[in-house]
PDB file of all heavy atoms in Angstrom:
ATOM      1  N   PRO A   1       8.586  -2.991   4.819  1.00  0.00           N
ATOM      2  CA  PRO A   1       8.256  -3.881   5.943  1.00  0.00           C
ATOM      3  C   PRO A   1       7.241  -3.268   6.901  1.00  0.00           C
ATOM      4  O   PRO A   1       6.328  -3.949   7.388  1.00  0.00           O
ATOM      5  CB  PRO A   1       9.615  -4.083   6.632  1.00  0.00           C
ATOM      6  CG  PRO A   1      10.609  -3.886   5.555  1.00  0.00           C
ATOM      7  CD  PRO A   1      10.047  -2.798   4.677  1.00  0.00           C
ATOM      8  N   THR A   2       7.371  -1.968   7.177  1.00  0.00           N
ATOM      9  CA  THR A   2       6.451  -1.318   8.097  1.00  0.00           C
ATOM     10  C   THR A   2       5.075  -1.146   7.477  1.00  0.00           C
ATOM     11  O   THR A   2       4.049  -1.377   8.123  1.00  0.00           O
ATOM     12  CB  THR A   2       6.991   0.060   8.515  1.00  0.00           C
ATOM     13  OG1 THR A   2       8.385  -0.037   8.790  1.00  0.00           O
ATOM     14  CG2 THR A   2       6.279   0.560   9.762  1.00  0.00           C
ATOM     15  N   ALA A   3       5.039  -0.719   6.223  1.00  0.00           N
ATOM     16  CA  ALA A   3       3.758  -0.474   5.565  1.00  0.00           C
ATOM     17  C   ALA A   3       2.966  -1.773   5.394  1.00  0.00           C
ATOM     18  O   ALA A   3       1.747  -1.792   5.626  1.00  0.00           O
ATOM     19  CB  ALA A   3       3.990   0.194   4.210  1.00  0.00           C
ATOM     20  N   ILE A   4       3.626  -2.856   4.992  1.00  0.00           N
ATOM     21  CA  ILE A   4       2.925  -4.128   4.830  1.00  0.00           C
ATOM     22  C   ILE A   4       2.434  -4.633   6.178  1.00  0.00           C
ATOM     23  O   ILE A   4       1.330  -5.189   6.301  1.00  0.00           O
ATOM     24  CB  ILE A   4       3.846  -5.177   4.174  1.00  0.00           C
ATOM     25  CG1 ILE A   4       4.251  -4.720   2.769  1.00  0.00           C
ATOM     26  CG2 ILE A   4       3.147  -6.527   4.112  1.00  0.00           C
ATOM     27  CD1 ILE A   4       3.097  -4.563   1.812  1.00  0.00           C
ATOM     28  N   ARG A   5       3.228  -4.432   7.223  1.00  0.00           N
ATOM     29  CA  ARG A   5       2.782  -4.822   8.568  1.00  0.00           C
ATOM     30  C   ARG A   5       1.555  -4.002   8.971  1.00  0.00           C
ATOM     31  O   ARG A   5       0.601  -4.535   9.551  1.00  0.00           O
ATOM     32  CB  ARG A   5       3.910  -4.622   9.575  1.00  0.00           C
ATOM     33  CG  ARG A   5       3.512  -4.986  11.010  1.00  0.00           C
ATOM     34  CD  ARG A   5       4.610  -4.614  11.998  1.00  0.00           C
ATOM     35  NE  ARG A   5       4.148  -4.782  13.364  1.00  0.00           N
ATOM     36  CZ  ARG A   5       4.390  -5.841  14.124  1.00  0.00           C
ATOM     37  NH1 ARG A   5       5.081  -6.851  13.631  1.00  0.00           N
ATOM     38  NH2 ARG A   5       3.943  -5.919  15.362  1.00  0.00           N
ATOM     39  N   ALA A   6       1.569  -2.701   8.675  1.00  0.00           N
ATOM     40  CA  ALA A   6       0.420  -1.852   9.009  1.00  0.00           C
ATOM     41  C   ALA A   6      -0.836  -2.318   8.278  1.00  0.00           C
ATOM     42  O   ALA A   6      -1.932  -2.339   8.850  1.00  0.00           O
ATOM     43  CB  ALA A   6       0.728  -0.400   8.665  1.00  0.00           C
ATOM     44  N   VAL A   7      -0.681  -2.688   7.011  1.00  0.00           N
ATOM     45  CA  VAL A   7      -1.829  -3.209   6.254  1.00  0.00           C
ATOM     46  C   VAL A   7      -2.338  -4.500   6.876  1.00  0.00           C
ATOM     47  O   VAL A   7      -3.554  -4.714   6.994  1.00  0.00           O
ATOM     48  CB  VAL A   7      -1.443  -3.427   4.775  1.00  0.00           C
ATOM     49  CG1 VAL A   7      -2.510  -4.242   4.047  1.00  0.00           C
ATOM     50  CG2 VAL A   7      -1.243  -2.090   4.077  1.00  0.00           C
ATOM     51  N   ALA A   8      -1.425  -5.380   7.279  1.00  0.00           N
ATOM     52  CA  ALA A   8      -1.844  -6.629   7.919  1.00  0.00           C
ATOM     53  C   ALA A   8      -2.551  -6.363   9.241  1.00  0.00           C
ATOM     54  O   ALA A   8      -3.465  -7.107   9.632  1.00  0.00           O
ATOM     55  CB  ALA A   8      -0.627  -7.533   8.142  1.00  0.00           C
ATOM     56  N   GLU A   9      -2.152  -5.313   9.950  1.00  0.00           N
ATOM     57  CA  GLU A   9      -2.794  -4.962  11.218  1.00  0.00           C
ATOM     58  C   GLU A   9      -4.183  -4.366  11.017  1.00  0.00           C
ATOM     59  O   GLU A   9      -5.068  -4.542  11.853  1.00  0.00           O
ATOM     60  CB  GLU A   9      -1.924  -3.968  11.988  1.00  0.00           C
ATOM     61  CG  GLU A   9      -0.636  -4.559  12.532  1.00  0.00           C
ATOM     62  CD  GLU A   9       0.284  -3.507  13.133  1.00  0.00           C
ATOM     63  OE1 GLU A   9       0.079  -2.299  12.857  1.00  0.00           O
ATOM     64  OE2 GLU A   9       1.216  -3.885  13.871  1.00  0.00           O
ATOM     65  N   TRP A  10      -4.380  -3.676   9.896  1.00  0.00           N
ATOM     66  CA  TRP A  10      -5.581  -2.869   9.719  1.00  0.00           C
ATOM     67  C   TRP A  10      -6.574  -3.412   8.700  1.00  0.00           C
ATOM     68  O   TRP A  10      -7.682  -2.858   8.572  1.00  0.00           O
ATOM     69  CB  TRP A  10      -5.185  -1.443   9.319  1.00  0.00           C
ATOM     70  CG  TRP A  10      -4.891  -0.589  10.523  1.00  0.00           C
ATOM     71  CD1 TRP A  10      -3.680  -0.398  11.123  1.00  0.00           C
ATOM     72  CD2 TRP A  10      -5.830   0.178  11.276  1.00  0.00           C
ATOM     73  NE1 TRP A  10      -3.800   0.436  12.207  1.00  0.00           N
ATOM     74  CE2 TRP A  10      -5.127   0.813  12.325  1.00  0.00           C
ATOM     75  CE3 TRP A  10      -7.205   0.402  11.174  1.00  0.00           C
ATOM     76  CZ2 TRP A  10      -5.738   1.645  13.258  1.00  0.00           C
ATOM     77  CZ3 TRP A  10      -7.824   1.230  12.096  1.00  0.00           C
ATOM     78  CH2 TRP A  10      -7.085   1.836  13.125  1.00  0.00           C
ATOM     79  N   PHE A  11      -6.236  -4.479   7.965  1.00  0.00           N
ATOM     80  CA  PHE A  11      -7.133  -4.966   6.911  1.00  0.00           C
ATOM     81  C   PHE A  11      -7.290  -6.480   6.963  1.00  0.00           C
ATOM     82  O   PHE A  11      -6.330  -7.203   7.247  1.00  0.00           O
ATOM     83  CB  PHE A  11      -6.599  -4.571   5.533  1.00  0.00           C
ATOM     84  CG  PHE A  11      -6.746  -3.113   5.218  1.00  0.00           C
ATOM     85  CD1 PHE A  11      -5.787  -2.203   5.631  1.00  0.00           C
ATOM     86  CD2 PHE A  11      -7.850  -2.648   4.524  1.00  0.00           C
ATOM     87  CE1 PHE A  11      -5.926  -0.850   5.360  1.00  0.00           C
ATOM     88  CE2 PHE A  11      -7.998  -1.297   4.239  1.00  0.00           C
ATOM     89  CZ  PHE A  11      -7.037  -0.397   4.662  1.00  0.00           C
ATOM     90  N   PRO A  12      -8.513  -6.980   6.659  1.00  0.00           N
ATOM     91  CA  PRO A  12      -8.680  -8.418   6.449  1.00  0.00           C
ATOM     92  C   PRO A  12      -8.011  -8.838   5.157  1.00  0.00           C
ATOM     93  O   PRO A  12      -7.725  -7.994   4.290  1.00  0.00           O
ATOM     94  CB  PRO A  12     -10.206  -8.581   6.373  1.00  0.00           C
ATOM     95  CG  PRO A  12     -10.696  -7.265   5.870  1.00  0.00           C
ATOM     96  CD  PRO A  12      -9.778  -6.235   6.459  1.00  0.00           C
ATOM     97  N   LYS A  13      -7.754 -10.121   4.986  1.00  0.00           N
ATOM     98  CA  LYS A  13      -6.984 -10.592   3.831  1.00  0.00           C
ATOM     99  C   LYS A  13      -7.608 -10.200   2.498  1.00  0.00           C
ATOM    100  O   LYS A  13      -6.900  -9.909   1.540  1.00  0.00           O
ATOM    101  CB  LYS A  13      -6.825 -12.111   3.900  1.00  0.00           C
ATOM    102  CG  LYS A  13      -5.887 -12.577   5.000  1.00  0.00           C
ATOM    103  CD  LYS A  13      -5.692 -14.073   4.966  1.00  0.00           C
ATOM    104  CE  LYS A  13      -4.713 -14.518   6.048  1.00  0.00           C
ATOM    105  NZ  LYS A  13      -4.504 -15.993   6.025  1.00  0.00           N
ATOM    106  N   LYS A  14      -8.930 -10.179   2.417  1.00  0.00           N
ATOM    107  CA  LYS A  14      -9.578  -9.900   1.139  1.00  0.00           C
ATOM    108  C   LYS A  14      -9.367  -8.464   0.669  1.00  0.00           C
ATOM    109  O   LYS A  14      -9.576  -8.158  -0.502  1.00  0.00           O
ATOM    110  CB  LYS A  14     -11.075 -10.198   1.221  1.00  0.00           C
ATOM    111  CG  LYS A  14     -11.819  -9.413   2.281  1.00  0.00           C
ATOM    112  CD  LYS A  14     -13.249  -9.908   2.416  1.00  0.00           C
ATOM    113  CE  LYS A  14     -13.977  -9.233   3.570  1.00  0.00           C
ATOM    114  NZ  LYS A  14     -15.325  -9.800   3.773  1.00  0.00           N
ATOM    115  N   GLU A  15      -8.943  -7.562   1.558  1.00  0.00           N
ATOM    116  CA  GLU A  15      -8.709  -6.167   1.176  1.00  0.00           C
ATOM    117  C   GLU A  15      -7.240  -5.780   1.148  1.00  0.00           C
ATOM    118  O   GLU A  15      -6.906  -4.658   0.764  1.00  0.00           O
ATOM    119  CB  GLU A  15      -9.438  -5.224   2.139  1.00  0.00           C
ATOM    120  CG  GLU A  15     -10.947  -5.207   1.986  1.00  0.00           C
ATOM    121  CD  GLU A  15     -11.602  -4.146   2.853  1.00  0.00           C
ATOM    122  OE1 GLU A  15     -10.947  -3.617   3.782  1.00  0.00           O
ATOM    123  OE2 GLU A  15     -12.780  -3.844   2.613  1.00  0.00           O
ATOM    124  N   ARG A  16      -6.366  -6.695   1.532  1.00  0.00           N
ATOM    125  CA  ARG A  16      -4.963  -6.314   1.699  1.00  0.00           C
ATOM    126  C   ARG A  16      -4.270  -5.978   0.383  1.00  0.00           C
ATOM    127  O   ARG A  16      -3.471  -5.034   0.324  1.00  0.00           O
ATOM    128  CB  ARG A  16      -4.199  -7.420   2.431  1.00  0.00           C
ATOM    129  CG  ARG A  16      -4.567  -7.521   3.899  1.00  0.00           C
ATOM    130  CD  ARG A  16      -3.811  -8.632   4.586  1.00  0.00           C
ATOM    131  NE  ARG A  16      -4.341  -8.864   5.931  1.00  0.00           N
ATOM    132  CZ  ARG A  16      -3.995  -9.889   6.701  1.00  0.00           C
ATOM    133  NH1 ARG A  16      -3.100 -10.766   6.257  1.00  0.00           N
ATOM    134  NH2 ARG A  16      -4.528 -10.035   7.898  1.00  0.00           N
ATOM    135  N   ALA A  17      -4.543  -6.733  -0.679  1.00  0.00           N
ATOM    136  CA  ALA A  17      -3.891  -6.435  -1.954  1.00  0.00           C
ATOM    137  C   ALA A  17      -4.336  -5.070  -2.480  1.00  0.00           C
ATOM    138  O   ALA A  17      -3.527  -4.313  -3.027  1.00  0.00           O
ATOM    139  CB  ALA A  17      -4.216  -7.524  -2.979  1.00  0.00           C
ATOM    140  N   PHE A  18      -5.627  -4.750  -2.308  1.00  0.00           N
ATOM    141  CA  PHE A  18      -6.129  -3.453  -2.752  1.00  0.00           C
ATOM    142  C   PHE A  18      -5.493  -2.330  -1.943  1.00  0.00           C
ATOM    143  O   PHE A  18      -5.040  -1.315  -2.502  1.00  0.00           O
ATOM    144  CB  PHE A  18      -7.646  -3.420  -2.619  1.00  0.00           C
ATOM    145  CG  PHE A  18      -8.281  -2.166  -3.168  1.00  0.00           C
ATOM    146  CD1 PHE A  18      -7.890  -1.647  -4.388  1.00  0.00           C
ATOM    147  CD2 PHE A  18      -9.272  -1.513  -2.456  1.00  0.00           C
ATOM    148  CE1 PHE A  18      -8.477  -0.494  -4.906  1.00  0.00           C
ATOM    149  CE2 PHE A  18      -9.873  -0.362  -2.956  1.00  0.00           C
ATOM    150  CZ  PHE A  18      -9.472   0.146  -4.176  1.00  0.00           C
ATOM    151  N   ALA A  19      -5.430  -2.508  -0.617  1.00  0.00           N
ATOM    152  CA  ALA A  19      -4.807  -1.499   0.246  1.00  0.00           C
ATOM    153  C   ALA A  19      -3.325  -1.346  -0.087  1.00  0.00           C
ATOM    154  O   ALA A  19      -2.797  -0.229  -0.152  1.00  0.00           O
ATOM    155  CB  ALA A  19      -4.984  -1.882   1.711  1.00  0.00           C
ATOM    156  N   THR A  20      -2.653  -2.481  -0.318  1.00  0.00           N
ATOM    157  CA  THR A  20      -1.243  -2.434  -0.692  1.00  0.00           C
ATOM    158  C   THR A  20      -1.061  -1.734  -2.029  1.00  0.00           C
ATOM    159  O   THR A  20      -0.128  -0.938  -2.215  1.00  0.00           O
ATOM    160  CB  THR A  20      -0.662  -3.861  -0.770  1.00  0.00           C
ATOM    161  OG1 THR A  20      -0.808  -4.499   0.505  1.00  0.00           O
ATOM    162  CG2 THR A  20       0.812  -3.831  -1.154  1.00  0.00           C
ATOM    163  N   GLY A  21      -1.955  -2.026  -2.981  1.00  0.00           N
ATOM    164  CA  GLY A  21      -1.882  -1.361  -4.279  1.00  0.00           C
ATOM    165  C   GLY A  21      -2.032   0.142  -4.176  1.00  0.00           C
ATOM    166  O   GLY A  21      -1.362   0.900  -4.887  1.00  0.00           O
ATOM    167  N   ILE A  22      -2.908   0.589  -3.261  1.00  0.00           N
ATOM    168  CA  ILE A  22      -3.116   2.026  -3.087  1.00  0.00           C
ATOM    169  C   ILE A  22      -1.853   2.697  -2.550  1.00  0.00           C
ATOM    170  O   ILE A  22      -1.367   3.684  -3.112  1.00  0.00           O
ATOM    171  CB  ILE A  22      -4.313   2.294  -2.153  1.00  0.00           C
ATOM    172  CG1 ILE A  22      -5.619   1.902  -2.850  1.00  0.00           C
ATOM    173  CG2 ILE A  22      -4.363   3.773  -1.753  1.00  0.00           C
ATOM    174  CD1 ILE A  22      -6.832   1.998  -1.953  1.00  0.00           C
ATOM    175  N   PHE A  23      -1.301   2.161  -1.458  1.00  0.00           N
ATOM    176  CA  PHE A  23      -0.120   2.843  -0.909  1.00  0.00           C
ATOM    177  C   PHE A  23       1.091   2.655  -1.811  1.00  0.00           C
ATOM    178  O   PHE A  23       1.939   3.542  -1.943  1.00  0.00           O
ATOM    179  CB  PHE A  23       0.162   2.410   0.532  1.00  0.00           C
ATOM    180  CG  PHE A  23       1.037   1.203   0.713  1.00  0.00           C
ATOM    181  CD1 PHE A  23       2.395   1.248   0.444  1.00  0.00           C
ATOM    182  CD2 PHE A  23       0.504   0.013   1.210  1.00  0.00           C
ATOM    183  CE1 PHE A  23       3.213   0.129   0.628  1.00  0.00           C
ATOM    184  CE2 PHE A  23       1.303  -1.100   1.403  1.00  0.00           C
ATOM    185  CZ  PHE A  23       2.663  -1.041   1.100  1.00  0.00           C
ATOM    186  N   ASN A  24       1.165   1.500  -2.505  1.00  0.00           N
ATOM    187  CA  ASN A  24       2.285   1.254  -3.406  1.00  0.00           C
ATOM    188  C   ASN A  24       2.241   2.173  -4.628  1.00  0.00           C
ATOM    189  O   ASN A  24       3.265   2.430  -5.266  1.00  0.00           O
ATOM    190  CB  ASN A  24       2.282  -0.206  -3.845  1.00  0.00           C
ATOM    191  CG  ASN A  24       3.558  -0.606  -4.559  1.00  0.00           C
ATOM    192  OD1 ASN A  24       4.655  -0.313  -4.090  1.00  0.00           O
ATOM    193  ND2 ASN A  24       3.425  -1.260  -5.693  1.00  0.00           N
ATOM    194  N   SER A  25       1.046   2.693  -4.954  1.00  0.00           N
ATOM    195  CA  SER A  25       0.947   3.626  -6.080  1.00  0.00           C
ATOM    196  C   SER A  25       1.680   4.933  -5.785  1.00  0.00           C
ATOM    197  O   SER A  25       1.958   5.714  -6.699  1.00  0.00           O
ATOM    198  CB  SER A  25      -0.521   3.916  -6.405  1.00  0.00           C
ATOM    199  OG  SER A  25      -1.156   4.642  -5.373  1.00  0.00           O
ATOM    200  N   GLY A  26       2.020   5.148  -4.521  1.00  0.00           N
ATOM    201  CA  GLY A  26       2.830   6.314  -4.169  1.00  0.00           C
ATOM    202  C   GLY A  26       4.174   6.311  -4.864  1.00  0.00           C
ATOM    203  O   GLY A  26       4.744   7.376  -5.155  1.00  0.00           O
ATOM    204  N   THR A  27       4.698   5.112  -5.186  1.00  0.00           N
ATOM    205  CA  THR A  27       5.958   5.033  -5.921  1.00  0.00           C
ATOM    206  C   THR A  27       5.816   5.657  -7.302  1.00  0.00           C
ATOM    207  O   THR A  27       6.749   6.273  -7.825  1.00  0.00           O
ATOM    208  CB  THR A  27       6.427   3.579  -6.058  1.00  0.00           C
ATOM    209  OG1 THR A  27       5.458   2.837  -6.820  1.00  0.00           O
ATOM    210  CG2 THR A  27       6.571   2.925  -4.689  1.00  0.00           C
ATOM    211  N   ASN A  28       4.637   5.495  -7.890  1.00  0.00           N
ATOM    212  CA  ASN A  28       4.402   6.040  -9.224  1.00  0.00           C
ATOM    213  C   ASN A  28       4.112   7.536  -9.186  1.00  0.00           C
ATOM    214  O   ASN A  28       4.535   8.282 -10.067  1.00  0.00           O
ATOM    215  CB  ASN A  28       3.230   5.308  -9.886  1.00  0.00           C
ATOM    216  CG  ASN A  28       3.400   3.806  -9.798  1.00  0.00           C
ATOM    217  OD1 ASN A  28       4.350   3.255 -10.326  1.00  0.00           O
ATOM    218  ND2 ASN A  28       2.504   3.147  -9.095  1.00  0.00           N
ATOM    219  N   ILE A  29       3.353   7.954  -8.171  1.00  0.00           N
ATOM    220  CA  ILE A  29       3.084   9.384  -8.034  1.00  0.00           C
ATOM    221  C   ILE A  29       4.397  10.129  -7.827  1.00  0.00           C
ATOM    222  O   ILE A  29       4.621  11.205  -8.397  1.00  0.00           O
ATOM    223  CB  ILE A  29       2.126   9.647  -6.854  1.00  0.00           C
ATOM    224  CG1 ILE A  29       0.786   8.933  -7.101  1.00  0.00           C
ATOM    225  CG2 ILE A  29       1.916  11.136  -6.663  1.00  0.00           C
ATOM    226  CD1 ILE A  29       0.072   9.360  -8.368  1.00  0.00           C
ATOM    227  N   ALA A  30       5.278   9.538  -7.036  1.00  0.00           N
ATOM    228  CA  ALA A  30       6.594  10.153  -6.817  1.00  0.00           C
ATOM    229  C   ALA A  30       7.361  10.274  -8.124  1.00  0.00           C
ATOM    230  O   ALA A  30       7.964  11.312  -8.425  1.00  0.00           O
ATOM    231  CB  ALA A  30       7.389   9.323  -5.814  1.00  0.00           C
ATOM    232  N   ALA A  31       7.342   9.193  -8.904  1.00  0.00           N
ATOM    233  CA  ALA A  31       8.076   9.208 -10.162  1.00  0.00           C
ATOM    234  C   ALA A  31       7.413  10.100 -11.197  1.00  0.00           C
ATOM    235  O   ALA A  31       8.061  10.534 -12.150  1.00  0.00           O
ATOM    236  CB  ALA A  31       8.193   7.789 -10.704  1.00  0.00           C
ATOM    237  N   MET A  32       6.109  10.393 -11.004  1.00  0.00           N
ATOM    238  CA  MET A  32       5.393  11.248 -11.938  1.00  0.00           C
ATOM    239  C   MET A  32       5.646  12.729 -11.640  1.00  0.00           C
ATOM    240  O   MET A  32       5.946  13.513 -12.531  1.00  0.00           O
ATOM    241  CB  MET A  32       3.897  10.961 -11.864  1.00  0.00           C
ATOM    242  CG  MET A  32       3.061  11.733 -12.875  1.00  0.00           C
ATOM    243  SD  MET A  32       1.324  11.314 -12.770  1.00  0.00           S
ATOM    244  CE  MET A  32       0.912  11.966 -11.149  1.00  0.00           C
ATOM    245  N   ILE A  33       5.538  13.109 -10.357  1.00  0.00           N
ATOM    246  CA  ILE A  33       5.727  14.515 -10.000  1.00  0.00           C
ATOM    247  C   ILE A  33       7.194  14.844  -9.747  1.00  0.00           C
ATOM    248  O   ILE A  33       7.595  16.003  -9.823  1.00  0.00           O
ATOM    249  CB  ILE A  33       4.883  14.893  -8.759  1.00  0.00           C
ATOM    250  CG1 ILE A  33       5.376  14.144  -7.515  1.00  0.00           C
ATOM    251  CG2 ILE A  33       3.409  14.627  -9.004  1.00  0.00           C
ATOM    252  CD1 ILE A  33       4.658  14.538  -6.239  1.00  0.00           C
ATOM    253  N   GLY A  34       7.990  13.812  -9.454  1.00  0.00           N
ATOM    254  CA  GLY A  34       9.394  14.039  -9.151  1.00  0.00           C
ATOM    255  C   GLY A  34      10.166  14.751 -10.252  1.00  0.00           C
ATOM    256  O   GLY A  34      10.889  15.716  -9.979  1.00  0.00           O
TER     257      GLY A  34
END
């Protein structure tokens, strides 16, 4: 909820999915190095 709100505060709609994809990739990096 906080991260998506931050993206909405900091990005226009056309960049939000890309920005969300970048921070959401942290779930995979965690599962990769974890």
